[in-house]
Amino acid sequence: MTSFEPGGTERQMIELVRRLDPERWTVHIACFEARGAWFNRVAEVAASVAEFPVSTFRSLDAGRHMWAFAQWCRAKHIAVVHTTELYSNIFGLPGAALANVPVRVGNRREINPDKSPAQIAMQRAAYSAAHKVVANSRAAADRLLLERVPARKVAVISNGLDGAQYQPPSPRPKLRKIIVVANLRPEKGHDVLIDAAVDVLRRYPDAHFEIAGGGAELAPLVARADARGVLHAVTFLGHCDDVAARLADGDIFVLPSRSEAFPNAVLEAMATGLPIVASGVGGILELVDDGVTGLLVPPGDAPSLADRLCRLMNDPALASRLGSAARAEALARYSFDRMVAAFESLYLTELTRRGVLEAGQPQLAAS
């Protein structure tokens, strides 16, 4: 992993680490930086944590750290290396190949909204060292195929959640609190929501917008809300650990992203039973059935976003139907147990394929 700062990928991978069967797997963590708000959640269950402080791939230090990582893999008798995102793919997959680790698994959890051609090329080269690359959505898998990753290497394992953490909100006479949960990055489309807020507030002056998430775009977004005259109706919450409680306190969930692979926030909002308005892009199309489990809008289209939000505010019965259907879908199809079982099956299949485990003997332990 890169670090343990809060984020969608970090949440999914940390839950995977915490939930793998300790009778079968001994989990060691390698990272660039052993820091972040969620570090202790990994450190308390991992057999060990090793730091390889790569700050740039343009230095000879990166090569030295990769060699050290390969030596570490050998010393720990690592049987499976699973990398989690762009930079750990670029570093960990070739390093694991250098160590001749039997099974090497890469990740793909985004669709390159902000990646340079050089980064994409480096990651594509790193994937050549992987036996499998796991996408968290069909949209992310399609991107891998476009980048000429062989189809035989590509697997899809969607994100999971703990359904017990998410409780539906109590019925309310009117819907006015609109919440978005997403780190403040350009591809998340917070600027589109702020523009849409102008039209929403014109029709519903008592509407309020809560934005949960931190990031570098905070100052520009605050300035945009001020310039649009809607700052009084927008609360920037920063990073929130109590996402489930925040969602349960909301009335409508919105995610106006320009690009998404498989957004955890939408899945969590579905499990809460909130009516959802989201951009019809990437993995959102796999999660939200327009008119059945939520409403979809074109990315970057503030008037359409405002129109759909007002439609739900004007029709609580529709909002309730969409929210109930979304919750049923999320609880039926997505869980951490399903996600972890899929990863365990993939690890065991690849270990057996490469002769580390005998066929029919999956109970054998492996690091």
Protein backbone atom coordinates (compact mmCIF):
# COMPACT_ATOMS: atom_id res chain seq x y z
CA MET A 1 0.00 0.00 0.00
CA THR A 2 1.08 3.62 -0.48
CA SER A 3 -0.07 4.81 2.95
CA PHE A 4 -3.08 4.50 5.22
CA GLU A 5 -4.81 7.82 4.70
CA PRO A 6 -8.62 7.54 4.44
CA GLY A 7 -9.90 6.71 0.97
CA GLY A 8 -12.03 4.21 -0.90
CA THR A 9 -9.19 1.92 -1.98
CA GLU A 10 -7.63 2.06 1.46
CA ARG A 11 -10.92 1.12 3.13
CA GLN A 12 -11.47 -1.89 0.87
CA MET A 13 -7.91 -3.20 1.16
CA ILE A 14 -7.74 -2.70 4.93
CA GLU A 15 -10.98 -4.62 5.35
CA LEU A 16 -9.52 -7.37 3.19
CA VAL A 17 -6.43 -7.55 5.41
CA ARG A 18 -8.54 -7.63 8.56
CA ARG A 19 -10.95 -10.28 7.31
CA LEU A 20 -8.67 -12.84 5.64
CA ASP A 21 -8.81 -16.13 7.55
CA PRO A 22 -5.82 -16.10 9.96
CA GLU A 23 -5.84 -19.90 10.04
CA ARG A 24 -5.04 -19.89 6.32
CA TRP A 25 -3.15 -16.65 5.67
CA THR A 26 -0.30 -14.84 7.36
CA VAL A 27 -0.51 -11.26 6.15
CA HIS A 28 2.52 -8.97 5.93
CA ILE A 29 2.14 -5.35 4.86
CA ALA A 30 4.59 -3.44 2.67
CA CYS A 31 4.09 0.27 2.18
CA PHE A 32 5.79 3.48 1.10
CA GLU A 33 4.75 5.33 4.27
CA ALA A 34 3.69 3.68 7.52
CA ARG A 35 1.37 6.50 8.46
CA GLY A 36 -2.22 7.64 8.14
CA ALA A 37 -5.40 7.73 10.19
CA TRP A 38 -6.12 4.06 9.45
CA PHE A 39 -2.61 2.69 10.01
CA ASN A 40 -3.44 1.13 13.38
CA ARG A 41 -6.30 -0.85 11.83
CA VAL A 42 -3.73 -2.69 9.74
CA ALA A 43 -0.87 -2.80 12.24
CA GLU A 44 -2.98 -4.54 14.88
CA VAL A 45 -3.70 -7.53 12.63
CA ALA A 46 -0.66 -7.77 10.32
CA ALA A 47 2.20 -10.14 11.09
CA SER A 48 4.60 -7.33 10.18
CA VAL A 49 4.73 -3.94 8.48
CA ALA A 50 7.70 -2.97 6.33
CA GLU A 51 8.31 0.53 4.95
CA PHE A 52 10.02 1.18 1.61
CA PRO A 53 10.09 5.01 1.45
CA VAL A 54 9.87 5.62 -2.30
CA SER A 55 9.11 9.28 -3.00
CA THR A 56 9.81 9.28 -6.74
CA PHE A 57 10.50 6.75 -9.46
CA ARG A 58 12.96 9.15 -11.09
CA SER A 59 15.73 8.35 -8.60
CA LEU A 60 18.15 5.47 -8.16
CA ASP A 61 16.72 5.18 -4.66
CA ALA A 62 13.57 3.64 -6.18
CA GLY A 63 15.66 0.82 -7.63
CA ARG A 64 17.41 0.26 -4.31
CA HIS A 65 14.10 0.15 -2.49
CA MET A 66 12.73 -2.31 -5.06
CA TRP A 67 15.71 -4.58 -4.51
CA ALA A 68 15.18 -4.32 -0.74
CA PHE A 69 11.51 -5.20 -1.25
CA ALA A 70 12.50 -8.26 -3.28
CA GLN A 71 14.89 -9.35 -0.52
CA TRP A 72 12.12 -8.82 2.04
CA CYS A 73 9.76 -11.03 0.00
CA ARG A 74 12.36 -13.79 -0.04
CA ALA A 75 13.09 -13.47 3.69
CA LYS A 76 9.40 -13.65 4.56
CA HIS A 77 8.77 -16.53 2.11
CA ILE A 78 5.95 -14.54 0.56
CA ALA A 79 3.67 -16.69 -1.60
CA VAL A 80 1.29 -13.95 -2.84
CA VAL A 81 2.00 -10.27 -3.42
CA HIS A 82 -1.13 -8.16 -3.90
CA THR A 83 -0.59 -4.51 -4.83
CA THR A 84 -3.37 -1.97 -4.34
CA GLU A 85 -3.15 1.04 -6.67
CA LEU A 86 -1.07 2.89 -9.29
CA TYR A 87 2.19 3.45 -7.42
CA SER A 88 2.22 0.17 -5.54
CA ASN A 89 1.46 -1.63 -8.82
CA ILE A 90 4.44 0.09 -10.46
CA PHE A 91 6.73 -0.74 -7.54
CA GLY A 92 5.42 -4.00 -6.11
CA LEU A 93 4.71 -6.15 -9.15
CA PRO A 94 8.18 -5.90 -10.74
CA GLY A 95 9.73 -6.20 -7.27
CA ALA A 96 7.76 -9.37 -6.60
CA ALA A 97 8.79 -10.76 -9.97
CA LEU A 98 12.42 -9.98 -9.10
CA ALA A 99 11.94 -12.05 -5.95
CA ASN A 100 10.23 -14.81 -7.94
CA VAL A 101 7.13 -14.61 -5.74
CA PRO A 102 4.87 -17.43 -6.98
CA VAL A 103 1.65 -15.38 -7.29
CA ARG A 104 1.52 -11.68 -8.16
CA VAL A 105 -1.82 -9.83 -8.15
CA GLY A 106 -2.29 -6.21 -9.22
CA ASN A 107 -5.26 -3.93 -8.69
CA ARG A 108 -7.24 -1.53 -10.85
CA ARG A 109 -9.66 0.66 -8.93
CA GLU A 110 -9.93 3.78 -11.10
CA ILE A 111 -10.25 4.81 -14.76
CA ASN A 112 -7.35 7.26 -15.09
CA PRO A 113 -9.17 10.59 -14.82
CA ASP A 114 -5.99 12.36 -13.74
CA LYS A 115 -3.18 10.02 -14.78
CA SER A 116 -0.47 11.17 -17.16
CA PRO A 117 0.47 9.11 -20.23
CA ALA A 118 3.76 8.27 -18.52
CA GLN A 119 1.99 6.96 -15.41
CA ILE A 120 -0.38 4.87 -17.51
CA ALA A 121 2.53 3.45 -19.51
CA MET A 122 4.50 2.60 -16.35
CA GLN A 123 1.52 0.85 -14.80
CA ARG A 124 0.81 -1.07 -18.01
CA ALA A 125 4.44 -2.25 -18.01
CA ALA A 126 4.15 -3.29 -14.37
CA TYR A 127 1.05 -5.34 -15.13
CA SER A 128 3.20 -7.55 -17.35
CA ALA A 129 4.72 -8.89 -14.11
CA ALA A 130 1.28 -9.80 -12.70
CA HIS A 131 -0.48 -13.13 -12.96
CA LYS A 132 -3.85 -11.45 -12.34
CA VAL A 133 -5.07 -7.86 -12.29
CA VAL A 134 -8.24 -7.39 -10.26
CA ALA A 135 -10.65 -4.65 -11.32
CA ASN A 136 -13.37 -3.56 -8.93
CA SER A 137 -15.89 -2.99 -11.74
CA ARG A 138 -16.60 -3.98 -15.31
CA ALA A 139 -15.77 -0.40 -16.30
CA ALA A 140 -12.30 -0.69 -14.77
CA ALA A 141 -11.83 -4.10 -16.42
CA ASP A 142 -12.75 -2.63 -19.81
CA ARG A 143 -10.10 0.05 -19.27
CA LEU A 144 -7.51 -2.67 -18.66
CA LEU A 145 -8.46 -4.33 -21.94
CA LEU A 146 -8.15 -0.99 -23.74
CA GLU A 147 -4.64 -0.75 -22.34
CA ARG A 148 -3.89 -4.16 -23.86
CA VAL A 149 -3.74 -6.12 -20.64
CA PRO A 150 -4.53 -9.71 -21.75
CA ALA A 151 -8.08 -10.76 -20.97
CA ARG A 152 -6.81 -13.96 -19.32
CA LYS A 153 -5.16 -11.80 -16.65
CA VAL A 154 -8.20 -9.70 -15.82
CA ALA A 155 -10.60 -10.56 -12.99
CA VAL A 156 -13.47 -8.53 -11.54
CA ILE A 157 -14.15 -8.47 -7.81
CA SER A 158 -16.48 -5.68 -6.77
CA ASN A 159 -16.21 -3.75 -3.53
CA GLY A 160 -17.87 -4.86 -0.34
CA LEU A 161 -19.47 -3.33 2.72
CA ASP A 162 -20.63 -4.30 6.19
CA GLY A 163 -24.39 -3.96 5.81
CA ALA A 164 -24.95 -4.04 9.57
CA GLN A 165 -23.28 -0.63 9.89
CA TYR A 166 -25.87 1.12 7.73
CA GLN A 167 -29.35 1.81 8.99
CA PRO A 168 -32.07 3.54 6.97
CA PRO A 169 -33.01 7.07 8.04
CA SER A 170 -36.27 7.63 9.85
CA PRO A 171 -39.14 8.94 7.68
CA ARG A 172 -39.16 12.72 7.33
CA PRO A 173 -41.94 15.05 6.21
CA LYS A 174 -39.67 16.81 3.75
CA LEU A 175 -36.31 16.14 2.12
CA ARG A 176 -33.89 19.04 2.36
CA LYS A 177 -30.47 17.73 3.46
CA ILE A 178 -28.35 16.68 0.48
CA ILE A 179 -25.09 14.89 1.25
CA VAL A 180 -22.07 13.95 -0.83
CA VAL A 181 -19.22 11.78 0.44
CA ALA A 182 -16.09 12.05 -1.71
CA ASN A 183 -12.56 13.34 -1.39
CA LEU A 184 -12.22 16.84 -2.79
CA ARG A 185 -10.70 16.08 -6.18
CA PRO A 186 -11.65 17.56 -9.58
CA GLU A 187 -13.04 14.30 -10.97
CA LYS A 188 -15.59 14.09 -8.15
CA GLY A 189 -17.54 17.05 -9.59
CA HIS A 190 -18.19 19.04 -6.42
CA ASP A 191 -18.05 22.17 -8.58
CA VAL A 192 -21.02 20.85 -10.58
CA LEU A 193 -22.98 20.34 -7.36
CA ILE A 194 -22.24 23.90 -6.24
CA ASP A 195 -23.49 25.21 -9.57
CA ALA A 196 -26.61 23.05 -9.28
CA ALA A 197 -27.20 24.35 -5.76
CA VAL A 198 -28.05 27.76 -7.22
CA ASP A 199 -31.11 26.33 -9.00
CA VAL A 200 -32.06 24.07 -6.09
CA LEU A 201 -32.02 26.93 -3.59
CA ARG A 202 -34.08 29.06 -5.91
CA ARG A 203 -36.89 26.48 -5.64
CA TYR A 204 -36.17 25.23 -2.11
CA PRO A 205 -34.49 28.01 -0.07
CA ASP A 206 -34.29 25.77 3.02
CA ALA A 207 -32.22 23.09 1.26
CA HIS A 208 -28.78 22.39 2.70
CA PHE A 209 -25.74 20.64 1.25
CA GLU A 210 -23.21 18.66 3.31
CA ILE A 211 -19.89 17.78 1.69
CA ALA A 212 -17.95 15.07 3.56
CA GLY A 213 -14.36 14.61 2.46
CA GLY A 214 -11.01 16.33 2.55
CA GLY A 215 -8.59 17.31 -0.17
CA ALA A 216 -6.70 20.00 -2.00
CA GLU A 217 -9.80 21.42 -3.72
CA LEU A 218 -11.30 22.80 -0.52
CA ALA A 219 -10.28 26.45 -0.98
CA PRO A 220 -11.36 26.66 -4.65
CA LEU A 221 -14.71 25.04 -3.82
CA VAL A 222 -15.35 27.39 -0.90
CA ALA A 223 -14.53 30.32 -3.20
CA ARG A 224 -16.88 28.96 -5.88
CA ALA A 225 -19.73 28.54 -3.41
CA ASP A 226 -19.17 32.08 -2.17
CA ALA A 227 -19.09 33.48 -5.71
CA ARG A 228 -22.33 31.62 -6.59
CA GLY A 229 -24.03 32.97 -3.48
CA VAL A 230 -24.69 29.54 -1.96
CA LEU A 231 -21.98 29.31 0.71
CA HIS A 232 -24.56 29.85 3.47
CA ALA A 233 -26.23 26.58 2.44
CA VAL A 234 -23.08 24.45 2.07
CA THR A 235 -21.20 22.82 4.94
CA PHE A 236 -17.74 21.43 4.24
CA LEU A 237 -17.32 18.70 6.86
CA GLY A 238 -13.79 17.59 5.98
CA HIS A 239 -12.81 13.96 6.47
CA CYS A 240 -15.43 12.02 8.44
CA ASP A 241 -14.93 8.66 10.14
CA ASP A 242 -18.64 8.48 10.98
CA VAL A 243 -19.83 8.11 7.39
CA ALA A 244 -22.65 5.71 8.28
CA ALA A 245 -24.08 8.17 10.81
CA ARG A 246 -23.72 11.08 8.40
CA LEU A 247 -25.58 9.17 5.71
CA ALA A 248 -28.35 8.17 8.11
CA ASP A 249 -28.78 11.86 8.97
CA GLY A 250 -29.14 12.84 5.31
CA ASP A 251 -32.16 12.93 3.04
CA ILE A 252 -30.67 12.60 -0.45
CA PHE A 253 -27.25 11.36 -1.56
CA VAL A 254 -25.53 12.89 -4.58
CA LEU A 255 -22.33 12.04 -6.44
CA PRO A 256 -21.72 14.23 -9.53
CA SER A 257 -18.46 12.55 -10.57
CA ARG A 258 -16.90 12.94 -13.98
CA SER A 259 -15.22 9.54 -13.67
CA GLU A 260 -15.70 6.56 -11.34
CA ALA A 261 -14.65 2.92 -11.23
CA PHE A 262 -16.83 1.61 -8.39
CA PRO A 263 -17.55 4.27 -5.77
CA ASN A 264 -17.81 3.05 -2.20
CA ALA A 265 -19.85 6.09 -1.27
CA VAL A 266 -22.68 5.14 -3.63
CA LEU A 267 -22.68 1.60 -2.28
CA GLU A 268 -22.82 2.91 1.29
CA ALA A 269 -25.64 5.32 0.42
CA MET A 270 -27.56 2.44 -1.15
CA ALA A 271 -27.10 0.33 2.00
CA THR A 272 -28.44 3.23 4.05
CA GLY A 273 -31.53 3.42 1.88
CA LEU A 274 -30.99 6.97 0.68
CA PRO A 275 -32.39 8.08 -2.67
CA ILE A 276 -29.42 8.68 -4.96
CA VAL A 277 -28.69 11.14 -7.75
CA ALA A 278 -25.38 10.39 -9.48
CA SER A 279 -23.55 10.82 -12.75
CA GLY A 280 -24.09 8.02 -15.25
CA VAL A 281 -20.39 7.15 -15.63
CA GLY A 282 -18.13 4.13 -15.15
CA GLY A 283 -19.02 1.75 -12.36
CA ILE A 284 -21.94 3.90 -11.20
CA LEU A 285 -23.83 2.46 -14.17
CA GLU A 286 -23.27 -1.00 -12.66
CA LEU A 287 -24.57 0.08 -9.26
CA VAL A 288 -27.51 2.39 -10.01
CA ASP A 289 -30.41 1.33 -12.20
CA ASP A 290 -31.86 4.64 -13.40
CA GLY A 291 -35.40 5.08 -12.13
CA VAL A 292 -35.24 1.89 -10.04
CA THR A 293 -32.46 2.28 -7.46
CA GLY A 294 -31.62 5.92 -8.12
CA LEU A 295 -31.53 8.68 -10.71
CA LEU A 296 -28.68 9.23 -13.18
CA VAL A 297 -27.60 12.46 -14.86
CA PRO A 298 -25.00 13.29 -17.51
CA PRO A 299 -21.60 14.21 -15.98
CA GLY A 300 -20.93 17.93 -15.74
CA ASP A 301 -24.60 18.84 -16.30
CA ALA A 302 -25.55 21.13 -13.41
CA PRO A 303 -29.10 21.91 -14.66
CA SER A 304 -29.95 18.19 -14.95
CA LEU A 305 -28.46 17.55 -11.52
CA ALA A 306 -30.56 20.33 -10.01
CA ASP A 307 -33.67 19.04 -11.80
CA ARG A 308 -33.29 15.50 -10.41
CA LEU A 309 -32.60 16.75 -6.89
CA CYS A 310 -35.69 18.94 -6.99
CA ARG A 311 -37.72 16.05 -8.37
CA LEU A 312 -36.91 13.97 -5.29
CA MET A 313 -37.52 16.89 -2.95
CA ASN A 314 -40.90 17.39 -4.55
CA ASP A 315 -41.84 13.69 -4.43
CA PRO A 316 -40.89 12.01 -1.10
CA ALA A 317 -42.80 8.86 -2.11
CA LEU A 318 -40.56 8.41 -5.16
CA ALA A 319 -37.49 9.08 -3.01
CA SER A 320 -38.63 6.42 -0.53
CA ARG A 321 -39.20 3.83 -3.28
CA LEU A 322 -35.79 4.44 -4.82
CA GLY A 323 -34.06 4.31 -1.44
CA SER A 324 -35.76 1.08 -0.39
CA ALA A 325 -34.90 -0.61 -3.69
CA ALA A 326 -31.30 0.56 -3.45
CA ARG A 327 -30.92 -0.79 0.09
CA ALA A 328 -32.34 -4.17 -0.88
CA GLU A 329 -29.95 -4.35 -3.85
CA ALA A 330 -26.88 -3.40 -1.80
CA LEU A 331 -27.55 -5.86 1.02
CA ALA A 332 -28.37 -8.69 -1.38
CA ARG A 333 -25.42 -8.33 -3.75
CA TYR A 334 -22.51 -6.73 -1.90
CA SER A 335 -20.80 -7.71 1.33
CA PHE A 336 -17.27 -7.90 2.67
CA ASP A 337 -17.73 -11.65 3.18
CA ARG A 338 -18.40 -12.07 -0.55
CA MET A 339 -15.46 -9.83 -1.49
CA VAL A 340 -13.00 -11.58 0.84
CA ALA A 341 -14.16 -15.02 -0.30
CA ALA A 342 -13.59 -13.99 -3.93
CA PHE A 343 -10.04 -12.82 -3.20
CA GLU A 344 -9.27 -15.97 -1.21
CA SER A 345 -10.53 -18.09 -4.07
CA LEU A 346 -8.38 -16.17 -6.53
CA TYR A 347 -5.26 -16.55 -4.34
CA LEU A 348 -5.83 -20.28 -3.85
CA THR A 349 -6.55 -20.88 -7.52
CA GLU A 350 -3.37 -19.11 -8.58
CA LEU A 351 -1.27 -20.85 -5.91
CA THR A 352 -2.60 -24.21 -7.09
CA ARG A 353 -2.03 -23.32 -10.74
CA ARG A 354 1.61 -22.60 -9.96
CA GLY A 355 2.20 -25.71 -7.90
CA VAL A 356 2.51 -24.04 -4.50
CA LEU A 357 -0.62 -25.85 -3.27
CA GLU A 358 -1.74 -29.30 -4.30
CA ALA A 359 -5.06 -29.45 -6.08
CA GLY A 360 -7.82 -30.20 -3.61
CA GLN A 361 -5.77 -29.05 -0.62
CA PRO A 362 -6.82 -25.39 -0.11
CA GLN A 363 -6.58 -25.75 3.69
CA LEU A 364 -2.76 -25.54 3.45
CA ALA A 365 -1.48 -22.27 4.92
CA ALA A 366 0.44 -19.74 2.88
CA SER A 367 1.94 -16.37 3.69
